[in-house]
Amino acid sequence: DITQFGDVGEFEAAKRWVDGLPKPVLLTPGNHDTPYAGLIDRAFAPWARYEKYFGAARKDGFDGEDVVVRAFNSARGMQVRLNWSKGAVDPGQVREAVADLNAVHGAKLRVAICHHPLMEVVGGPMTGRDSSFLFFPLTASLRRDPDFMRVAARLGLVDYWRASGHWP
């Protein structure tokens, strides 16, 4: 999060602070960067303030000599669920980031970043265990890895799937 409440004054202060950091700087918005008090703005223009000060909220990136980083926006202005602090991953954004990273030539480190964790830490402060992204077509190669189920078990996902009866 760049701000706490998405207020103009917070964005102005954050812009001054970010401008003083050594370059390059890569940002991706968080759920607090939408207008907290303005539900109309939050619903219809959640990133207008962020974009005024920092540029496009949907995608940012960095190409360095040894590393390529692609950011995608997992924060949302509003969501159907009650806990708006949780993000959502848009499969189209993920496909775009993966395609960008797959197009990189050479032995560069490829990194994708977003504000929210891609899966919740079992026993962590956020509730639920939405592991459905593991079963998107995009992550098929991950599932084919011989260690996939062992790692899922270590993370507590297999126990959760069995107990809840919700296998992805």
C-alpha atoms as a PDB file:
ATOM      1  CA  ASP A   1       0.000   0.000   0.000  1.00  0.00           C
ATOM      2  CA  ILE A   2       1.260   3.452  -0.914  1.00  0.00           C
ATOM      3  CA  THR A   3      -1.426   5.142   1.234  1.00  0.00           C
ATOM      4  CA  GLN A   4      -3.662   4.248   4.165  1.00  0.00           C
ATOM      5  CA  PHE A   5      -6.963   5.757   2.994  1.00  0.00           C
ATOM      6  CA  GLY A   6      -6.325   6.715  -0.654  1.00  0.00           C
ATOM      7  CA  ASP A   7      -6.555  10.435   0.200  1.00  0.00           C
ATOM      8  CA  VAL A   8      -5.076  13.046  -2.154  1.00  0.00           C
ATOM      9  CA  GLY A   9      -2.804  14.350   0.623  1.00  0.00           C
ATOM     10  CA  GLU A  10      -1.445  10.863   1.239  1.00  0.00           C
ATOM     11  CA  PHE A  11      -0.723  10.419  -2.460  1.00  0.00           C
ATOM     12  CA  GLU A  12       1.043  13.795  -2.606  1.00  0.00           C
ATOM     13  CA  ALA A  13       3.229  12.851   0.376  1.00  0.00           C
ATOM     14  CA  ALA A  14       3.891   9.382  -1.058  1.00  0.00           C
ATOM     15  CA  LYS A  15       4.873  10.881  -4.428  1.00  0.00           C
ATOM     16  CA  ARG A  16       7.410  13.175  -2.743  1.00  0.00           C
ATOM     17  CA  TRP A  17       8.811  10.221  -0.797  1.00  0.00           C
ATOM     18  CA  VAL A  18       8.989   7.883  -3.818  1.00  0.00           C
ATOM     19  CA  ASP A  19      10.601  10.617  -5.943  1.00  0.00           C
ATOM     20  CA  GLY A  20      13.389  10.790  -3.357  1.00  0.00           C
ATOM     21  CA  LEU A  21      14.193   7.083  -3.534  1.00  0.00           C
ATOM     22  CA  PRO A  22      17.118   5.785  -5.583  1.00  0.00           C
ATOM     23  CA  LYS A  23      16.029   4.649  -9.043  1.00  0.00           C
ATOM     24  CA  PRO A  24      14.690   2.384 -10.378  1.00  0.00           C
ATOM     25  CA  VAL A  25      11.472   2.154  -8.340  1.00  0.00           C
ATOM     26  CA  LEU A  26       8.776  -0.376  -9.147  1.00  0.00           C
ATOM     27  CA  LEU A  27       5.324   0.034  -7.616  1.00  0.00           C
ATOM     28  CA  THR A  28       2.123  -1.941  -7.612  1.00  0.00           C
ATOM     29  CA  PRO A  29      -0.988  -0.641  -5.868  1.00  0.00           C
ATOM     30  CA  GLY A  30      -2.566  -2.119  -2.767  1.00  0.00           C
ATOM     31  CA  ASN A  31      -6.120  -2.272  -1.500  1.00  0.00           C
ATOM     32  CA  HIS A  32      -5.580   0.851   0.662  1.00  0.00           C
ATOM     33  CA  ASP A  33      -4.774   2.900  -2.443  1.00  0.00           C
ATOM     34  CA  THR A  34      -8.426   3.141  -3.431  1.00  0.00           C
ATOM     35  CA  PRO A  35     -10.593   5.944  -1.977  1.00  0.00           C
ATOM     36  CA  TYR A  36     -11.678   4.702   1.453  1.00  0.00           C
ATOM     37  CA  ALA A  37     -14.434   7.260   1.997  1.00  0.00           C
ATOM     38  CA  GLY A  38     -15.622   7.673  -1.593  1.00  0.00           C
ATOM     39  CA  LEU A  39     -17.580   4.552  -2.484  1.00  0.00           C
ATOM     40  CA  ILE A  40     -18.602   5.927  -5.893  1.00  0.00           C
ATOM     41  CA  ASP A  41     -14.951   6.613  -6.785  1.00  0.00           C
ATOM     42  CA  ARG A  42     -13.952   3.309  -5.226  1.00  0.00           C
ATOM     43  CA  ALA A  43     -16.462   1.463  -7.415  1.00  0.00           C
ATOM     44  CA  PHE A  44     -16.027   3.312 -10.715  1.00  0.00           C
ATOM     45  CA  ALA A  45     -12.550   4.886 -10.646  1.00  0.00           C
ATOM     46  CA  PRO A  46     -10.610   3.032  -7.936  1.00  0.00           C
ATOM     47  CA  TRP A  47      -7.168   3.802  -9.410  1.00  0.00           C
ATOM     48  CA  ALA A  48      -7.650   7.389 -10.631  1.00  0.00           C
ATOM     49  CA  ARG A  49      -5.660   8.900  -7.753  1.00  0.00           C
ATOM     50  CA  TYR A  50      -2.951   6.248  -7.882  1.00  0.00           C
ATOM     51  CA  GLU A  51      -2.568   6.705 -11.632  1.00  0.00           C
ATOM     52  CA  LYS A  52      -2.445  10.496 -11.349  1.00  0.00           C
ATOM     53  CA  TYR A  53       0.660  10.247  -9.174  1.00  0.00           C
ATOM     54  CA  PHE A  54       2.301   6.957 -10.193  1.00  0.00           C
ATOM     55  CA  GLY A  55       1.052   5.917 -13.634  1.00  0.00           C
ATOM     56  CA  ALA A  56      -0.873   2.871 -14.795  1.00  0.00           C
ATOM     57  CA  ALA A  57      -2.139   0.694 -11.952  1.00  0.00           C
ATOM     58  CA  ARG A  58      -2.692  -2.400 -14.057  1.00  0.00           C
ATOM     59  CA  LYS A  59       0.854  -3.154 -15.085  1.00  0.00           C
ATOM     60  CA  ASP A  60       4.373  -2.013 -14.367  1.00  0.00           C
ATOM     61  CA  GLY A  61       7.725  -3.573 -14.941  1.00  0.00           C
ATOM     62  CA  PHE A  62      11.466  -3.323 -14.814  1.00  0.00           C
ATOM     63  CA  ASP A  63      14.051  -4.677 -17.244  1.00  0.00           C
ATOM     64  CA  GLY A  64      17.520  -4.826 -15.761  1.00  0.00           C
ATOM     65  CA  GLU A  65      20.782  -6.324 -16.871  1.00  0.00           C
ATOM     66  CA  ASP A  66      20.265  -9.524 -14.860  1.00  0.00           C
ATOM     67  CA  VAL A  67      16.590  -9.401 -13.891  1.00  0.00           C
ATOM     68  CA  VAL A  68      13.182  -8.771 -15.464  1.00  0.00           C
ATOM     69  CA  VAL A  69      10.253  -7.963 -13.177  1.00  0.00           C
ATOM     70  CA  ARG A  70       6.586  -7.726 -14.087  1.00  0.00           C
ATOM     71  CA  ALA A  71       3.986  -6.400 -11.664  1.00  0.00           C
ATOM     72  CA  PHE A  72       0.273  -7.037 -11.861  1.00  0.00           C
ATOM     73  CA  ASN A  73      -2.479  -5.470  -9.807  1.00  0.00           C
ATOM     74  CA  SER A  74      -4.107  -7.886  -7.359  1.00  0.00           C
ATOM     75  CA  ALA A  75      -5.935  -5.130  -5.432  1.00  0.00           C
ATOM     76  CA  ARG A  76      -9.553  -4.320  -6.172  1.00  0.00           C
ATOM     77  CA  GLY A  77     -11.667  -1.242  -5.510  1.00  0.00           C
ATOM     78  CA  MET A  78     -14.653  -3.297  -4.413  1.00  0.00           C
ATOM     79  CA  GLN A  79     -15.392  -6.984  -4.198  1.00  0.00           C
ATOM     80  CA  VAL A  80     -18.443  -9.147  -3.741  1.00  0.00           C
ATOM     81  CA  ARG A  81     -17.054 -10.685  -0.537  1.00  0.00           C
ATOM     82  CA  LEU A  82     -17.050  -8.855   2.787  1.00  0.00           C
ATOM     83  CA  ASN A  83     -13.301  -8.910   3.347  1.00  0.00           C
ATOM     84  CA  TRP A  84     -12.034  -6.387   0.801  1.00  0.00           C
ATOM     85  CA  SER A  85      -8.509  -6.654   2.139  1.00  0.00           C
ATOM     86  CA  LYS A  86      -8.022  -9.821   0.142  1.00  0.00           C
ATOM     87  CA  GLY A  87      -6.994  -9.387  -3.426  1.00  0.00           C
ATOM     88  CA  ALA A  88      -7.998 -11.147  -6.572  1.00  0.00           C
ATOM     89  CA  VAL A  89      -5.802 -12.319  -9.384  1.00  0.00           C
ATOM     90  CA  ASP A  90      -7.082 -11.618 -12.864  1.00  0.00           C
ATOM     91  CA  PRO A  91      -6.082 -14.602 -15.043  1.00  0.00           C
ATOM     92  CA  GLY A  92      -5.608 -12.271 -18.028  1.00  0.00           C
ATOM     93  CA  GLN A  93      -3.065 -10.176 -16.130  1.00  0.00           C
ATOM     94  CA  VAL A  94      -1.230 -13.319 -15.048  1.00  0.00           C
ATOM     95  CA  ARG A  95      -1.147 -14.635 -18.627  1.00  0.00           C
ATOM     96  CA  GLU A  96       0.221 -11.276 -19.803  1.00  0.00           C
ATOM     97  CA  ALA A  97       2.929 -11.207 -17.121  1.00  0.00           C
ATOM     98  CA  VAL A  98       3.900 -14.832 -17.830  1.00  0.00           C
ATOM     99  CA  ALA A  99       4.006 -14.181 -21.578  1.00  0.00           C
ATOM    100  CA  ASP A 100       6.234 -11.133 -21.002  1.00  0.00           C
ATOM    101  CA  LEU A 101       8.562 -13.153 -18.788  1.00  0.00           C
ATOM    102  CA  ASN A 102       8.616 -16.119 -21.179  1.00  0.00           C
ATOM    103  CA  ALA A 103       9.644 -13.773 -24.007  1.00  0.00           C
ATOM    104  CA  VAL A 104      12.819 -12.780 -22.146  1.00  0.00           C
ATOM    105  CA  HIS A 105      15.974 -14.123 -23.747  1.00  0.00           C
ATOM    106  CA  GLY A 106      19.118 -15.022 -21.907  1.00  0.00           C
ATOM    107  CA  ALA A 107      19.886 -16.108 -18.374  1.00  0.00           C
ATOM    108  CA  LYS A 108      17.985 -13.364 -16.605  1.00  0.00           C
ATOM    109  CA  LEU A 109      16.080 -13.877 -13.390  1.00  0.00           C
ATOM    110  CA  ARG A 110      12.355 -13.524 -14.116  1.00  0.00           C
ATOM    111  CA  VAL A 111      10.120 -12.245 -11.308  1.00  0.00           C
ATOM    112  CA  ALA A 112       6.374 -11.561 -11.131  1.00  0.00           C
ATOM    113  CA  ILE A 113       5.085  -9.444  -8.242  1.00  0.00           C
ATOM    114  CA  CYS A 114       1.738  -8.320  -6.884  1.00  0.00           C
ATOM    115  CA  HIS A 115       0.475  -6.767  -3.658  1.00  0.00           C
ATOM    116  CA  HIS A 116      -1.345  -9.775  -2.223  1.00  0.00           C
ATOM    117  CA  PRO A 117      -0.041 -13.278  -1.570  1.00  0.00           C
ATOM    118  CA  LEU A 118      -1.002 -15.675  -4.336  1.00  0.00           C
ATOM    119  CA  MET A 119      -2.158 -18.136  -1.715  1.00  0.00           C
ATOM    120  CA  GLU A 120      -2.809 -17.677   1.945  1.00  0.00           C
ATOM    121  CA  VAL A 121      -0.378 -18.949   4.528  1.00  0.00           C
ATOM    122  CA  VAL A 122      -2.042 -21.723   6.490  1.00  0.00           C
ATOM    123  CA  GLY A 123      -2.602 -20.408  10.001  1.00  0.00           C
ATOM    124  CA  GLY A 124      -1.912 -16.861   8.818  1.00  0.00           C
ATOM    125  CA  PRO A 125      -3.946 -13.790   9.710  1.00  0.00           C
ATOM    126  CA  MET A 126      -6.261 -13.980   6.692  1.00  0.00           C
ATOM    127  CA  THR A 127      -9.017 -16.575   6.631  1.00  0.00           C
ATOM    128  CA  GLY A 128      -9.661 -19.210   4.027  1.00  0.00           C
ATOM    129  CA  ARG A 129      -7.417 -21.082   1.657  1.00  0.00           C
ATOM    130  CA  ASP A 130      -8.287 -20.219  -1.915  1.00  0.00           C
ATOM    131  CA  SER A 131      -5.919 -22.473  -3.790  1.00  0.00           C
ATOM    132  CA  SER A 132      -7.953 -22.546  -6.995  1.00  0.00           C
ATOM    133  CA  PHE A 133      -5.215 -20.699  -8.902  1.00  0.00           C
ATOM    134  CA  LEU A 134      -3.137 -23.875  -8.591  1.00  0.00           C
ATOM    135  CA  PHE A 135      -5.582 -25.537 -10.940  1.00  0.00           C
ATOM    136  CA  PHE A 136      -5.768 -22.895 -13.655  1.00  0.00           C
ATOM    137  CA  PRO A 137      -4.483 -24.054 -17.055  1.00  0.00           C
ATOM    138  CA  LEU A 138      -1.663 -21.541 -16.605  1.00  0.00           C
ATOM    139  CA  THR A 139      -0.235 -23.523 -13.657  1.00  0.00           C
ATOM    140  CA  ALA A 140      -0.441 -26.975 -15.288  1.00  0.00           C
ATOM    141  CA  SER A 141       3.352 -27.330 -15.367  1.00  0.00           C
ATOM    142  CA  LEU A 142       3.469 -26.695 -11.623  1.00  0.00           C
ATOM    143  CA  ARG A 143       1.006 -29.541 -11.011  1.00  0.00           C
ATOM    144  CA  ARG A 144       3.063 -31.883 -13.182  1.00  0.00           C
ATOM    145  CA  ASP A 145       6.067 -31.369 -10.915  1.00  0.00           C
ATOM    146  CA  PRO A 146       6.700 -34.603  -8.971  1.00  0.00           C
ATOM    147  CA  ASP A 147       6.935 -32.585  -5.740  1.00  0.00           C
ATOM    148  CA  PHE A 148       3.603 -30.774  -6.168  1.00  0.00           C
ATOM    149  CA  MET A 149       1.501 -32.927  -3.818  1.00  0.00           C
ATOM    150  CA  ARG A 150       4.311 -33.163  -1.245  1.00  0.00           C
ATOM    151  CA  VAL A 151       4.585 -29.360  -1.154  1.00  0.00           C
ATOM    152  CA  ALA A 152       0.776 -28.984  -1.060  1.00  0.00           C
ATOM    153  CA  ALA A 153       0.720 -31.372   1.904  1.00  0.00           C
ATOM    154  CA  ARG A 154       3.480 -29.438   3.718  1.00  0.00           C
ATOM    155  CA  LEU A 155       1.474 -26.229   3.233  1.00  0.00           C
ATOM    156  CA  GLY A 156      -1.559 -27.896   4.779  1.00  0.00           C
ATOM    157  CA  LEU A 157      -3.562 -27.749   1.573  1.00  0.00           C
ATOM    158  CA  VAL A 158      -4.164 -31.498   1.294  1.00  0.00           C
ATOM    159  CA  ASP A 159      -5.523 -31.609   4.867  1.00  0.00           C
ATOM    160  CA  TYR A 160      -7.703 -28.588   4.091  1.00  0.00           C
ATOM    161  CA  TRP A 161      -9.002 -30.142   0.862  1.00  0.00           C
ATOM    162  CA  ARG A 162      -9.846 -33.396   2.677  1.00  0.00           C
ATOM    163  CA  ALA A 163     -11.472 -31.708   5.682  1.00  0.00           C
ATOM    164  CA  SER A 164     -13.491 -29.231   3.665  1.00  0.00           C
ATOM    165  CA  GLY A 165     -14.389 -31.586   0.857  1.00  0.00           C
ATOM    166  CA  HIS A 166     -13.455 -28.782  -1.573  1.00  0.00           C
ATOM    167  CA  TRP A 167     -10.842 -30.207  -3.866  1.00  0.00           C
ATOM    168  CA  PRO A 168      -9.950 -27.626  -6.525  1.00  0.00           C
END
